[in-house]
Amino acid sequence: MTGTEFTGERLIGKCRTGKFHIGGHNHIINHGPGGHKDTAMHVSRVSIAVNMVLTAGKLAAGILGHSHAMISDAVHSASDVFSTLIVMAGVSMSAKQSDKEHPYGHERLECVAALFLAFILCATGLGIGFGAVREVISGEVKDAAIPGLMALMAAIVSIVVKEWMYRYTIKAADSIHSSALKADAWHHRSDALSSVGAFAGICGARMGFAFMDPAASIVICLFICKASLDVLRDALDKMVDKACDEETEKAIKGTVLTSPGVVRIDGLKTRLFGPRMYVDIEIAVDPDLNLQQAHAISREVHDTVEEQFPQVKHCAVQVNPLNREG
């Protein structure tokens, strides 16, 4: 029984979409793909509703308050609706069941959506920065009309609402490990930062310091570009089989060592697969155990890991005989 890997269908079996086989019997475990999709969709629907209301409010305030900055901010909020639709499409496609052409599932399609959103986020930041530089070079700052108090109040409301939307979305993204939802959260924060720029510009114009608008926009550009790089890095990590964090691996080891019959852990490998995770683990057991006993131990490890860590899509267990001399 040296180095025997219990990952065949009649032993540990296959675990692709929450189903696996043990000794020819089907067992169903809900690892939460449906919950992942439901959470992302609910947050996205809230985002679209809030952005549509904000877009209408900002546009009205910008027109009535004679603020070009607020009108531009309204366009930015409208673009966030488009980015949220991308998130919904990515999450929907990633939740599709595995098939013959994609036996490991479609989870990485969500990372593709996150990559797309990262580029949009970066383009948004650069657009804000280039626009600010153009205003300074062309001298448009001096000729800008003085905005009204309504535009100032709209900017304050936008900052508060969009920052709340960022916190609401990023909390959900972290809970379901969603790169696409995380990217959308940063779109909310970029909108909040854009509103900060609009607020600074409006205040500056009303106080006679029109240069405050482009200065704030340049700083905001840097923040948004940094956020887009973070989103890009996170999505790429989940597409190139990066290992999960050390804290999670330590928790998995601790859980496995509590399983009856496991004497030692000989090896542990993890890899991210979109919002899910694959685990390959080697355990050492008493070499005097028969095949059925060793199988029962490996099955217990398999079940425990997948039950205790919902992010794990599949756990493969290899059983090694304990080297007493070692």
C-alpha atoms as a PDB file:
ATOM      1  CA  MET A   1       0.000   0.000   0.000  1.00  0.00           C
ATOM      2  CA  THR A   2       2.932   2.270  -0.714  1.00  0.00           C
ATOM      3  CA  GLY A   3       1.916   5.706  -1.910  1.00  0.00           C
ATOM      4  CA  THR A   4      -1.548   4.537  -2.960  1.00  0.00           C
ATOM      5  CA  GLU A   5      -3.733   7.442  -4.101  1.00  0.00           C
ATOM      6  CA  PHE A   6      -7.393   7.075  -3.175  1.00  0.00           C
ATOM      7  CA  THR A   7      -8.889   9.304  -5.836  1.00  0.00           C
ATOM      8  CA  GLY A   8     -10.586   6.743  -8.107  1.00  0.00           C
ATOM      9  CA  GLU A   9     -14.362   6.641  -8.515  1.00  0.00           C
ATOM     10  CA  ARG A  10     -14.698   3.546  -6.339  1.00  0.00           C
ATOM     11  CA  LEU A  11     -12.600   5.037  -3.533  1.00  0.00           C
ATOM     12  CA  ILE A  12     -12.684   8.793  -3.045  1.00  0.00           C
ATOM     13  CA  GLY A  13     -14.174   9.500  -6.443  1.00  0.00           C
ATOM     14  CA  LYS A  14     -14.843  12.600  -8.394  1.00  0.00           C
ATOM     15  CA  CYS A  15     -16.039  15.849  -6.940  1.00  0.00           C
ATOM     16  CA  ARG A  16     -16.788  18.363  -9.661  1.00  0.00           C
ATOM     17  CA  THR A  17     -20.113  19.980  -9.001  1.00  0.00           C
ATOM     18  CA  GLY A  18     -20.865  18.924  -5.457  1.00  0.00           C
ATOM     19  CA  LYS A  19     -21.325  15.196  -6.324  1.00  0.00           C
ATOM     20  CA  PHE A  20     -18.907  12.369  -5.704  1.00  0.00           C
ATOM     21  CA  HIS A  21     -19.030   8.592  -5.618  1.00  0.00           C
ATOM     22  CA  ILE A  22     -18.035   6.253  -2.825  1.00  0.00           C
ATOM     23  CA  GLY A  23     -18.271   2.558  -3.526  1.00  0.00           C
ATOM     24  CA  GLY A  24     -20.781   3.157  -6.315  1.00  0.00           C
ATOM     25  CA  HIS A  25     -23.211   5.270  -4.217  1.00  0.00           C
ATOM     26  CA  ASN A  26     -23.992   8.911  -4.955  1.00  0.00           C
ATOM     27  CA  HIS A  27     -23.617  11.494  -2.196  1.00  0.00           C
ATOM     28  CA  ILE A  28     -24.595  15.131  -2.608  1.00  0.00           C
ATOM     29  CA  ILE A  29     -22.813  17.873  -0.698  1.00  0.00           C
ATOM     30  CA  ASN A  30     -23.736  21.516  -1.199  1.00  0.00           C
ATOM     31  CA  HIS A  31     -20.470  23.417  -1.392  1.00  0.00           C
ATOM     32  CA  GLY A  32     -22.195  26.692  -2.168  1.00  0.00           C
ATOM     33  CA  PRO A  33     -21.793  27.457  -5.912  1.00  0.00           C
ATOM     34  CA  GLY A  34     -25.481  28.386  -5.986  1.00  0.00           C
ATOM     35  CA  GLY A  35     -25.017  30.553  -2.912  1.00  0.00           C
ATOM     36  CA  HIS A  36     -22.042  32.210  -4.590  1.00  0.00           C
ATOM     37  CA  LYS A  37     -24.110  33.116  -7.625  1.00  0.00           C
ATOM     38  CA  ASP A  38     -27.147  34.213  -5.608  1.00  0.00           C
ATOM     39  CA  THR A  39     -25.054  36.538  -3.452  1.00  0.00           C
ATOM     40  CA  ALA A  40     -23.284  38.089  -6.433  1.00  0.00           C
ATOM     41  CA  MET A  41     -26.535  38.569  -8.334  1.00  0.00           C
ATOM     42  CA  HIS A  42     -28.323  40.144  -5.370  1.00  0.00           C
ATOM     43  CA  VAL A  43     -25.470  42.609  -4.748  1.00  0.00           C
ATOM     44  CA  SER A  44     -25.305  43.406  -8.471  1.00  0.00           C
ATOM     45  CA  ARG A  45     -29.030  44.148  -8.679  1.00  0.00           C
ATOM     46  CA  VAL A  46     -28.733  46.517  -5.715  1.00  0.00           C
ATOM     47  CA  SER A  47     -25.750  48.188  -7.420  1.00  0.00           C
ATOM     48  CA  ILE A  48     -27.652  48.748 -10.651  1.00  0.00           C
ATOM     49  CA  ALA A  49     -30.663  50.225  -8.846  1.00  0.00           C
ATOM     50  CA  VAL A  50     -28.526  52.607  -6.773  1.00  0.00           C
ATOM     51  CA  ASN A  51     -26.437  53.696  -9.763  1.00  0.00           C
ATOM     52  CA  MET A  52     -29.504  54.437 -11.872  1.00  0.00           C
ATOM     53  CA  VAL A  53     -30.959  56.645  -9.129  1.00  0.00           C
ATOM     54  CA  LEU A  54     -27.603  58.382  -8.592  1.00  0.00           C
ATOM     55  CA  THR A  55     -27.107  58.943 -12.312  1.00  0.00           C
ATOM     56  CA  ALA A  56     -30.487  60.655 -12.630  1.00  0.00           C
ATOM     57  CA  GLY A  57     -29.899  62.747  -9.501  1.00  0.00           C
ATOM     58  CA  LYS A  58     -26.385  63.809 -10.471  1.00  0.00           C
ATOM     59  CA  LEU A  59     -27.438  64.694 -14.004  1.00  0.00           C
ATOM     60  CA  ALA A  60     -30.307  66.864 -12.750  1.00  0.00           C
ATOM     61  CA  ALA A  61     -28.082  68.536 -10.155  1.00  0.00           C
ATOM     62  CA  GLY A  62     -25.337  69.141 -12.708  1.00  0.00           C
ATOM     63  CA  ILE A  63     -27.691  70.753 -15.223  1.00  0.00           C
ATOM     64  CA  LEU A  64     -29.606  72.841 -12.696  1.00  0.00           C
ATOM     65  CA  GLY A  65     -26.487  73.688 -10.699  1.00  0.00           C
ATOM     66  CA  HIS A  66     -24.358  74.585 -13.760  1.00  0.00           C
ATOM     67  CA  SER A  67     -21.638  72.071 -12.847  1.00  0.00           C
ATOM     68  CA  HIS A  68     -19.698  70.316 -15.615  1.00  0.00           C
ATOM     69  CA  ALA A  69     -17.918  68.254 -12.945  1.00  0.00           C
ATOM     70  CA  MET A  70     -21.225  66.878 -11.652  1.00  0.00           C
ATOM     71  CA  ILE A  71     -22.453  66.078 -15.173  1.00  0.00           C
ATOM     72  CA  SER A  72     -19.222  64.153 -15.787  1.00  0.00           C
ATOM     73  CA  ASP A  73     -19.732  62.380 -12.479  1.00  0.00           C
ATOM     74  CA  ALA A  74     -23.236  61.364 -13.624  1.00  0.00           C
ATOM     75  CA  VAL A  75     -21.730  59.786 -16.742  1.00  0.00           C
ATOM     76  CA  HIS A  76     -19.282  57.911 -14.500  1.00  0.00           C
ATOM     77  CA  SER A  77     -22.173  56.505 -12.428  1.00  0.00           C
ATOM     78  CA  ALA A  78     -23.935  55.428 -15.618  1.00  0.00           C
ATOM     79  CA  SER A  79     -20.806  53.542 -16.716  1.00  0.00           C
ATOM     80  CA  ASP A  80     -20.888  51.616 -13.439  1.00  0.00           C
ATOM     81  CA  VAL A  81     -24.178  50.055 -14.536  1.00  0.00           C
ATOM     82  CA  PHE A  82     -22.343  48.611 -17.541  1.00  0.00           C
ATOM     83  CA  SER A  83     -19.551  47.223 -15.348  1.00  0.00           C
ATOM     84  CA  THR A  84     -22.083  45.574 -13.031  1.00  0.00           C
ATOM     85  CA  LEU A  85     -23.750  43.897 -16.027  1.00  0.00           C
ATOM     86  CA  ILE A  86     -20.332  42.442 -16.893  1.00  0.00           C
ATOM     87  CA  VAL A  87     -20.071  41.068 -13.360  1.00  0.00           C
ATOM     88  CA  MET A  88     -23.490  39.423 -13.662  1.00  0.00           C
ATOM     89  CA  ALA A  89     -22.558  37.861 -16.999  1.00  0.00           C
ATOM     90  CA  GLY A  90     -19.234  36.570 -15.648  1.00  0.00           C
ATOM     91  CA  VAL A  91     -20.782  35.095 -12.507  1.00  0.00           C
ATOM     92  CA  SER A  92     -23.598  33.454 -14.502  1.00  0.00           C
ATOM     93  CA  MET A  93     -21.173  31.814 -16.929  1.00  0.00           C
ATOM     94  CA  SER A  94     -18.828  30.676 -14.153  1.00  0.00           C
ATOM     95  CA  ALA A  95     -21.739  28.987 -12.341  1.00  0.00           C
ATOM     96  CA  LYS A  96     -22.462  26.660 -15.284  1.00  0.00           C
ATOM     97  CA  GLN A  97     -22.139  22.957 -14.568  1.00  0.00           C
ATOM     98  CA  SER A  98     -19.089  21.078 -15.820  1.00  0.00           C
ATOM     99  CA  ASP A  99     -19.439  19.376 -19.181  1.00  0.00           C
ATOM    100  CA  LYS A 100     -17.455  17.173 -21.539  1.00  0.00           C
ATOM    101  CA  GLU A 101     -15.422  20.099 -22.900  1.00  0.00           C
ATOM    102  CA  HIS A 102     -14.923  21.676 -19.449  1.00  0.00           C
ATOM    103  CA  PRO A 103     -14.719  18.794 -16.931  1.00  0.00           C
ATOM    104  CA  TYR A 104     -13.294  21.059 -14.226  1.00  0.00           C
ATOM    105  CA  GLY A 105     -16.080  23.610 -14.492  1.00  0.00           C
ATOM    106  CA  HIS A 106     -16.227  27.233 -15.652  1.00  0.00           C
ATOM    107  CA  GLU A 107     -15.213  29.155 -12.520  1.00  0.00           C
ATOM    108  CA  ARG A 108     -12.321  30.927 -14.225  1.00  0.00           C
ATOM    109  CA  LEU A 109     -14.738  32.793 -16.480  1.00  0.00           C
ATOM    110  CA  GLU A 110     -15.430  35.017 -13.479  1.00  0.00           C
ATOM    111  CA  CYS A 111     -11.727  35.892 -13.427  1.00  0.00           C
ATOM    112  CA  VAL A 112     -11.959  36.842 -17.116  1.00  0.00           C
ATOM    113  CA  ALA A 113     -14.759  39.256 -16.208  1.00  0.00           C
ATOM    114  CA  ALA A 114     -12.583  40.640 -13.396  1.00  0.00           C
ATOM    115  CA  LEU A 115      -9.700  41.205 -15.823  1.00  0.00           C
ATOM    116  CA  PHE A 116     -12.005  43.091 -18.166  1.00  0.00           C
ATOM    117  CA  LEU A 117     -13.285  45.224 -15.297  1.00  0.00           C
ATOM    118  CA  ALA A 118      -9.729  45.927 -14.124  1.00  0.00           C
ATOM    119  CA  PHE A 119      -8.915  47.415 -17.537  1.00  0.00           C
ATOM    120  CA  ILE A 120     -12.119  49.473 -17.469  1.00  0.00           C
ATOM    121  CA  LEU A 121     -11.254  50.705 -13.984  1.00  0.00           C
ATOM    122  CA  CYS A 122      -7.745  51.662 -15.097  1.00  0.00           C
ATOM    123  CA  ALA A 123      -9.149  53.450 -18.164  1.00  0.00           C
ATOM    124  CA  THR A 124     -11.551  55.346 -15.892  1.00  0.00           C
ATOM    125  CA  GLY A 125      -8.705  56.504 -13.669  1.00  0.00           C
ATOM    126  CA  LEU A 126      -6.531  57.527 -16.591  1.00  0.00           C
ATOM    127  CA  GLY A 127      -9.467  59.354 -18.172  1.00  0.00           C
ATOM    128  CA  ILE A 128      -9.959  61.386 -15.006  1.00  0.00           C
ATOM    129  CA  GLY A 129      -6.243  62.183 -14.840  1.00  0.00           C
ATOM    130  CA  PHE A 130      -5.868  63.118 -18.515  1.00  0.00           C
ATOM    131  CA  GLY A 131      -8.988  65.263 -18.305  1.00  0.00           C
ATOM    132  CA  ALA A 132      -7.529  67.169 -15.374  1.00  0.00           C
ATOM    133  CA  VAL A 133      -4.221  67.734 -17.156  1.00  0.00           C
ATOM    134  CA  ARG A 134      -6.041  68.892 -20.294  1.00  0.00           C
ATOM    135  CA  GLU A 135      -8.043  71.425 -18.279  1.00  0.00           C
ATOM    136  CA  VAL A 136      -4.861  72.866 -16.816  1.00  0.00           C
ATOM    137  CA  ILE A 137      -3.041  73.049 -20.162  1.00  0.00           C
ATOM    138  CA  SER A 138      -5.978  74.478 -22.114  1.00  0.00           C
ATOM    139  CA  GLY A 139      -6.866  77.015 -19.463  1.00  0.00           C
ATOM    140  CA  GLU A 140     -10.476  75.787 -19.215  1.00  0.00           C
ATOM    141  CA  VAL A 141     -10.278  75.969 -15.426  1.00  0.00           C
ATOM    142  CA  LYS A 142     -10.288  79.751 -15.399  1.00  0.00           C
ATOM    143  CA  ASP A 143     -13.306  79.996 -17.724  1.00  0.00           C
ATOM    144  CA  ALA A 144     -15.498  77.515 -15.853  1.00  0.00           C
ATOM    145  CA  ALA A 145     -18.857  78.759 -14.609  1.00  0.00           C
ATOM    146  CA  ILE A 146     -19.389  78.942 -10.862  1.00  0.00           C
ATOM    147  CA  PRO A 147     -21.546  75.932  -9.873  1.00  0.00           C
ATOM    148  CA  GLY A 148     -24.556  76.247  -7.610  1.00  0.00           C
ATOM    149  CA  LEU A 149     -25.201  74.857  -4.125  1.00  0.00           C
ATOM    150  CA  MET A 150     -27.325  72.006  -5.539  1.00  0.00           C
ATOM    151  CA  ALA A 151     -24.307  70.523  -7.300  1.00  0.00           C
ATOM    152  CA  LEU A 152     -22.330  70.687  -4.044  1.00  0.00           C
ATOM    153  CA  MET A 153     -25.039  68.817  -2.124  1.00  0.00           C
ATOM    154  CA  ALA A 154     -25.276  66.198  -4.888  1.00  0.00           C
ATOM    155  CA  ALA A 155     -21.539  65.563  -4.608  1.00  0.00           C
ATOM    156  CA  ILE A 156     -21.835  64.998  -0.844  1.00  0.00           C
ATOM    157  CA  VAL A 157     -24.723  62.556  -1.290  1.00  0.00           C
ATOM    158  CA  SER A 158     -22.799  60.705  -4.002  1.00  0.00           C
ATOM    159  CA  ILE A 159     -19.701  60.335  -1.814  1.00  0.00           C
ATOM    160  CA  VAL A 160     -21.693  58.889   1.081  1.00  0.00           C
ATOM    161  CA  VAL A 161     -23.810  56.528  -1.027  1.00  0.00           C
ATOM    162  CA  LYS A 162     -20.969  55.226  -3.207  1.00  0.00           C
ATOM    163  CA  GLU A 163     -18.660  54.651  -0.254  1.00  0.00           C
ATOM    164  CA  TRP A 164     -21.472  52.666   1.395  1.00  0.00           C
ATOM    165  CA  MET A 165     -21.896  50.686  -1.832  1.00  0.00           C
ATOM    166  CA  TYR A 166     -18.160  49.966  -1.888  1.00  0.00           C
ATOM    167  CA  ARG A 167     -18.217  48.591   1.667  1.00  0.00           C
ATOM    168  CA  TYR A 168     -21.399  46.614   0.999  1.00  0.00           C
ATOM    169  CA  THR A 169     -19.991  45.057  -2.181  1.00  0.00           C
ATOM    170  CA  ILE A 170     -16.443  44.386  -0.968  1.00  0.00           C
ATOM    171  CA  LYS A 171     -17.812  42.585   2.103  1.00  0.00           C
ATOM    172  CA  ALA A 172     -19.859  40.294  -0.135  1.00  0.00           C
ATOM    173  CA  ALA A 173     -16.904  39.822  -2.517  1.00  0.00           C
ATOM    174  CA  ASP A 174     -14.608  38.754   0.334  1.00  0.00           C
ATOM    175  CA  SER A 175     -17.217  36.373   1.741  1.00  0.00           C
ATOM    176  CA  ILE A 176     -17.601  34.475  -1.558  1.00  0.00           C
ATOM    177  CA  HIS A 177     -14.040  35.072  -2.855  1.00  0.00           C
ATOM    178  CA  SER A 178     -15.291  36.783  -6.017  1.00  0.00           C
ATOM    179  CA  SER A 179     -12.749  38.672  -8.135  1.00  0.00           C
ATOM    180  CA  ALA A 180     -15.438  40.128 -10.388  1.00  0.00           C
ATOM    181  CA  LEU A 181     -17.478  41.433  -7.454  1.00  0.00           C
ATOM    182  CA  LYS A 182     -14.312  42.852  -5.906  1.00  0.00           C
ATOM    183  CA  ALA A 183     -13.605  44.719  -9.135  1.00  0.00           C
ATOM    184  CA  ASP A 184     -17.146  46.088  -9.116  1.00  0.00           C
ATOM    185  CA  ALA A 185     -16.664  47.211  -5.511  1.00  0.00           C
ATOM    186  CA  TRP A 186     -13.668  49.238  -6.586  1.00  0.00           C
ATOM    187  CA  HIS A 187     -15.776  50.759  -9.344  1.00  0.00           C
ATOM    188  CA  HIS A 188     -18.055  52.042  -6.594  1.00  0.00           C
ATOM    189  CA  ARG A 189     -15.089  53.496  -4.735  1.00  0.00           C
ATOM    190  CA  SER A 190     -13.747  55.052  -7.927  1.00  0.00           C
ATOM    191  CA  ASP A 191     -17.124  56.741  -8.315  1.00  0.00           C
ATOM    192  CA  ALA A 192     -16.904  57.952  -4.712  1.00  0.00           C
ATOM    193  CA  LEU A 193     -13.409  59.309  -5.394  1.00  0.00           C
ATOM    194  CA  SER A 194     -14.665  60.937  -8.580  1.00  0.00           C
ATOM    195  CA  SER A 195     -17.344  62.636  -6.507  1.00  0.00           C
ATOM    196  CA  VAL A 196     -14.643  63.789  -4.085  1.00  0.00           C
ATOM    197  CA  GLY A 197     -12.930  65.423  -7.059  1.00  0.00           C
ATOM    198  CA  ALA A 198     -16.211  67.004  -8.132  1.00  0.00           C
ATOM    199  CA  PHE A 199     -16.796  68.240  -4.572  1.00  0.00           C
ATOM    200  CA  ALA A 200     -13.293  69.743  -4.425  1.00  0.00           C
ATOM    201  CA  GLY A 201     -13.771  71.388  -7.804  1.00  0.00           C
ATOM    202  CA  ILE A 202     -17.163  72.826  -6.876  1.00  0.00           C
ATOM    203  CA  CYS A 203     -15.889  74.137  -3.529  1.00  0.00           C
ATOM    204  CA  GLY A 204     -12.806  75.555  -5.191  1.00  0.00           C
ATOM    205  CA  ALA A 205     -14.822  77.277  -7.902  1.00  0.00           C
ATOM    206  CA  ARG A 206     -17.192  78.794  -5.333  1.00  0.00           C
ATOM    207  CA  MET A 207     -14.212  80.022  -3.273  1.00  0.00           C
ATOM    208  CA  GLY A 208     -12.256  81.274  -6.264  1.00  0.00           C
ATOM    209  CA  PHE A 209      -9.731  78.393  -6.365  1.00  0.00           C
ATOM    210  CA  ALA A 210     -10.649  76.609  -9.581  1.00  0.00           C
ATOM    211  CA  PHE A 211      -7.331  74.694  -9.682  1.00  0.00           C
ATOM    212  CA  MET A 212      -8.532  72.446  -6.831  1.00  0.00           C
ATOM    213  CA  ASP A 213     -10.661  70.406  -9.255  1.00  0.00           C
ATOM    214  CA  PRO A 214      -7.841  69.183 -11.542  1.00  0.00           C
ATOM    215  CA  ALA A 215      -5.466  68.767  -8.601  1.00  0.00           C
ATOM    216  CA  ALA A 216      -7.908  66.475  -6.823  1.00  0.00           C
ATOM    217  CA  SER A 217      -8.607  64.595 -10.062  1.00  0.00           C
ATOM    218  CA  ILE A 218      -4.927  63.783 -10.541  1.00  0.00           C
ATOM    219  CA  VAL A 219      -4.668  62.342  -7.030  1.00  0.00           C
ATOM    220  CA  ILE A 220      -7.861  60.351  -7.598  1.00  0.00           C
ATOM    221  CA  CYS A 221      -6.424  59.016 -10.867  1.00  0.00           C
ATOM    222  CA  LEU A 222      -3.479  57.516  -8.978  1.00  0.00           C
ATOM    223  CA  PHE A 223      -5.746  55.859  -6.393  1.00  0.00           C
ATOM    224  CA  ILE A 224      -7.984  54.310  -9.059  1.00  0.00           C
ATOM    225  CA  CYS A 225      -5.056  53.017 -11.133  1.00  0.00           C
ATOM    226  CA  LYS A 226      -3.555  51.412  -8.012  1.00  0.00           C
ATOM    227  CA  ALA A 227      -6.904  49.729  -7.287  1.00  0.00           C
ATOM    228  CA  SER A 228      -7.127  48.414 -10.859  1.00  0.00           C
ATOM    229  CA  LEU A 229      -3.680  46.824 -10.520  1.00  0.00           C
ATOM    230  CA  ASP A 230      -4.753  45.109  -7.284  1.00  0.00           C
ATOM    231  CA  VAL A 231      -7.865  43.712  -8.983  1.00  0.00           C
ATOM    232  CA  LEU A 232      -5.774  42.595 -11.976  1.00  0.00           C
ATOM    233  CA  ARG A 233      -3.247  40.821  -9.742  1.00  0.00           C
ATOM    234  CA  ASP A 234      -5.984  39.053  -7.771  1.00  0.00           C
ATOM    235  CA  ALA A 235      -7.691  37.807 -10.947  1.00  0.00           C
ATOM    236  CA  LEU A 236      -4.419  36.600 -12.482  1.00  0.00           C
ATOM    237  CA  ASP A 237      -3.489  34.726  -9.290  1.00  0.00           C
ATOM    238  CA  LYS A 238      -6.742  32.772  -9.549  1.00  0.00           C
ATOM    239  CA  MET A 239      -6.045  31.910 -13.193  1.00  0.00           C
ATOM    240  CA  VAL A 240      -2.477  30.598 -12.795  1.00  0.00           C
ATOM    241  CA  ASP A 241      -3.079  28.074  -9.979  1.00  0.00           C
ATOM    242  CA  LYS A 242      -1.599  30.161  -7.193  1.00  0.00           C
ATOM    243  CA  ALA A 243      -1.616  28.473  -3.782  1.00  0.00           C
ATOM    244  CA  CYS A 244      -4.075  29.722  -1.182  1.00  0.00           C
ATOM    245  CA  ASP A 245      -2.844  31.774   1.766  1.00  0.00           C
ATOM    246  CA  GLU A 246      -0.747  30.207   4.524  1.00  0.00           C
ATOM    247  CA  GLU A 247      -3.464  30.716   7.142  1.00  0.00           C
ATOM    248  CA  THR A 248      -5.921  28.600   5.146  1.00  0.00           C
ATOM    249  CA  GLU A 249      -3.345  25.866   4.548  1.00  0.00           C
ATOM    250  CA  LYS A 250      -2.535  25.809   8.259  1.00  0.00           C
ATOM    251  CA  ALA A 251      -6.250  25.481   9.063  1.00  0.00           C
ATOM    252  CA  ILE A 252      -6.616  22.598   6.588  1.00  0.00           C
ATOM    253  CA  LYS A 253      -3.651  20.776   8.134  1.00  0.00           C
ATOM    254  CA  GLY A 254      -5.094  21.234  11.608  1.00  0.00           C
ATOM    255  CA  THR A 255      -8.436  19.829  10.476  1.00  0.00           C
ATOM    256  CA  VAL A 256      -6.860  16.809   8.773  1.00  0.00           C
ATOM    257  CA  LEU A 257      -4.704  15.943  11.785  1.00  0.00           C
ATOM    258  CA  THR A 258      -7.851  15.698  13.924  1.00  0.00           C
ATOM    259  CA  SER A 259      -9.255  12.946  11.672  1.00  0.00           C
ATOM    260  CA  PRO A 260      -9.065   9.470  13.275  1.00  0.00           C
ATOM    261  CA  GLY A 261      -6.263   7.325  11.875  1.00  0.00           C
ATOM    262  CA  VAL A 262      -4.166  10.162  10.418  1.00  0.00           C
ATOM    263  CA  VAL A 263      -0.712   9.932  11.948  1.00  0.00           C
ATOM    264  CA  ARG A 264       1.089  12.532   9.866  1.00  0.00           C
ATOM    265  CA  ILE A 265       0.704  14.846   6.896  1.00  0.00           C
ATOM    266  CA  ASP A 266       3.353  14.100   4.273  1.00  0.00           C
ATOM    267  CA  GLY A 267       2.380  16.854   1.844  1.00  0.00           C
ATOM    268  CA  LEU A 268      -0.205  19.512   1.048  1.00  0.00           C
ATOM    269  CA  LYS A 269      -0.774  21.388  -2.194  1.00  0.00           C
ATOM    270  CA  THR A 270      -3.525  23.911  -2.856  1.00  0.00           C
ATOM    271  CA  ARG A 271      -4.434  25.917  -5.939  1.00  0.00           C
ATOM    272  CA  LEU A 272      -7.001  28.595  -6.596  1.00  0.00           C
ATOM    273  CA  PHE A 273      -9.481  27.990  -9.398  1.00  0.00           C
ATOM    274  CA  GLY A 274     -11.513  31.156  -9.792  1.00  0.00           C
ATOM    275  CA  PRO A 275     -13.418  31.600  -6.514  1.00  0.00           C
ATOM    276  CA  ARG A 276     -12.941  27.897  -5.612  1.00  0.00           C
ATOM    277  CA  MET A 277      -9.943  25.878  -4.464  1.00  0.00           C
ATOM    278  CA  TYR A 278      -8.441  22.451  -5.137  1.00  0.00           C
ATOM    279  CA  VAL A 279      -6.607  20.537  -2.409  1.00  0.00           C
ATOM    280  CA  ASP A 280      -4.146  17.646  -2.841  1.00  0.00           C
ATOM    281  CA  ILE A 281      -3.007  16.106   0.428  1.00  0.00           C
ATOM    282  CA  GLU A 282      -0.820  13.151   1.418  1.00  0.00           C
ATOM    283  CA  ILE A 283      -1.428  11.480   4.753  1.00  0.00           C
ATOM    284  CA  ALA A 284       0.498   8.753   6.558  1.00  0.00           C
ATOM    285  CA  VAL A 285      -1.378   5.924   8.323  1.00  0.00           C
ATOM    286  CA  ASP A 286      -0.518   2.726  10.170  1.00  0.00           C
ATOM    287  CA  PRO A 287       1.069   0.385   7.578  1.00  0.00           C
ATOM    288  CA  ASP A 288      -0.646  -2.631   9.155  1.00  0.00           C
ATOM    289  CA  LEU A 289      -4.122  -1.392   8.157  1.00  0.00           C
ATOM    290  CA  ASN A 290      -5.927  -3.239   5.382  1.00  0.00           C
ATOM    291  CA  LEU A 291      -7.212  -1.567   2.215  1.00  0.00           C
ATOM    292  CA  GLN A 292     -10.742  -1.068   3.550  1.00  0.00           C
ATOM    293  CA  GLN A 293      -9.497   0.592   6.758  1.00  0.00           C
ATOM    294  CA  ALA A 294      -7.142   2.906   4.859  1.00  0.00           C
ATOM    295  CA  HIS A 295      -9.955   3.791   2.489  1.00  0.00           C
ATOM    296  CA  ALA A 296     -12.239   4.714   5.396  1.00  0.00           C
ATOM    297  CA  ILE A 297      -9.596   7.070   6.796  1.00  0.00           C
ATOM    298  CA  SER A 298      -8.996   8.752   3.446  1.00  0.00           C
ATOM    299  CA  ARG A 299     -12.738   9.115   2.882  1.00  0.00           C
ATOM    300  CA  GLU A 300     -13.122  10.757   6.301  1.00  0.00           C
ATOM    301  CA  VAL A 301     -10.347  13.241   5.454  1.00  0.00           C
ATOM    302  CA  HIS A 302     -11.944  13.983   2.079  1.00  0.00           C
ATOM    303  CA  ASP A 303     -15.400  14.589   3.562  1.00  0.00           C
ATOM    304  CA  THR A 304     -14.129  16.654   6.484  1.00  0.00           C
ATOM    305  CA  VAL A 305     -12.057  19.021   4.348  1.00  0.00           C
ATOM    306  CA  GLU A 306     -14.853  19.661   1.860  1.00  0.00           C
ATOM    307  CA  GLU A 307     -17.414  20.166   4.627  1.00  0.00           C
ATOM    308  CA  GLN A 308     -15.258  22.436   6.806  1.00  0.00           C
ATOM    309  CA  PHE A 309     -13.954  24.557   3.915  1.00  0.00           C
ATOM    310  CA  PRO A 310     -16.810  25.483   1.516  1.00  0.00           C
ATOM    311  CA  GLN A 311     -14.353  27.149  -0.876  1.00  0.00           C
ATOM    312  CA  VAL A 312     -12.799  23.734  -1.621  1.00  0.00           C
ATOM    313  CA  LYS A 313     -14.241  22.275  -4.811  1.00  0.00           C
ATOM    314  CA  HIS A 314     -12.272  19.023  -4.722  1.00  0.00           C
ATOM    315  CA  CYS A 315      -9.983  17.340  -2.209  1.00  0.00           C
ATOM    316  CA  ALA A 316      -7.754  14.497  -3.430  1.00  0.00           C
ATOM    317  CA  VAL A 317      -6.284  12.309  -0.682  1.00  0.00           C
ATOM    318  CA  GLN A 318      -3.212  10.108  -1.099  1.00  0.00           C
ATOM    319  CA  VAL A 319      -2.525   7.532   1.603  1.00  0.00           C
ATOM    320  CA  ASN A 320       1.056   6.535   2.462  1.00  0.00           C
ATOM    321  CA  PRO A 321       2.166   3.824   4.922  1.00  0.00           C
ATOM    322  CA  LEU A 322       3.867   5.317   7.971  1.00  0.00           C
ATOM    323  CA  ASN A 323       7.604   4.717   7.970  1.00  0.00           C
ATOM    324  CA  ARG A 324       8.181   3.568  11.543  1.00  0.00           C
ATOM    325  CA  GLU A 325      11.946   3.879  11.229  1.00  0.00           C
ATOM    326  CA  GLY A 326      11.607   7.479  10.099  1.00  0.00           C
END
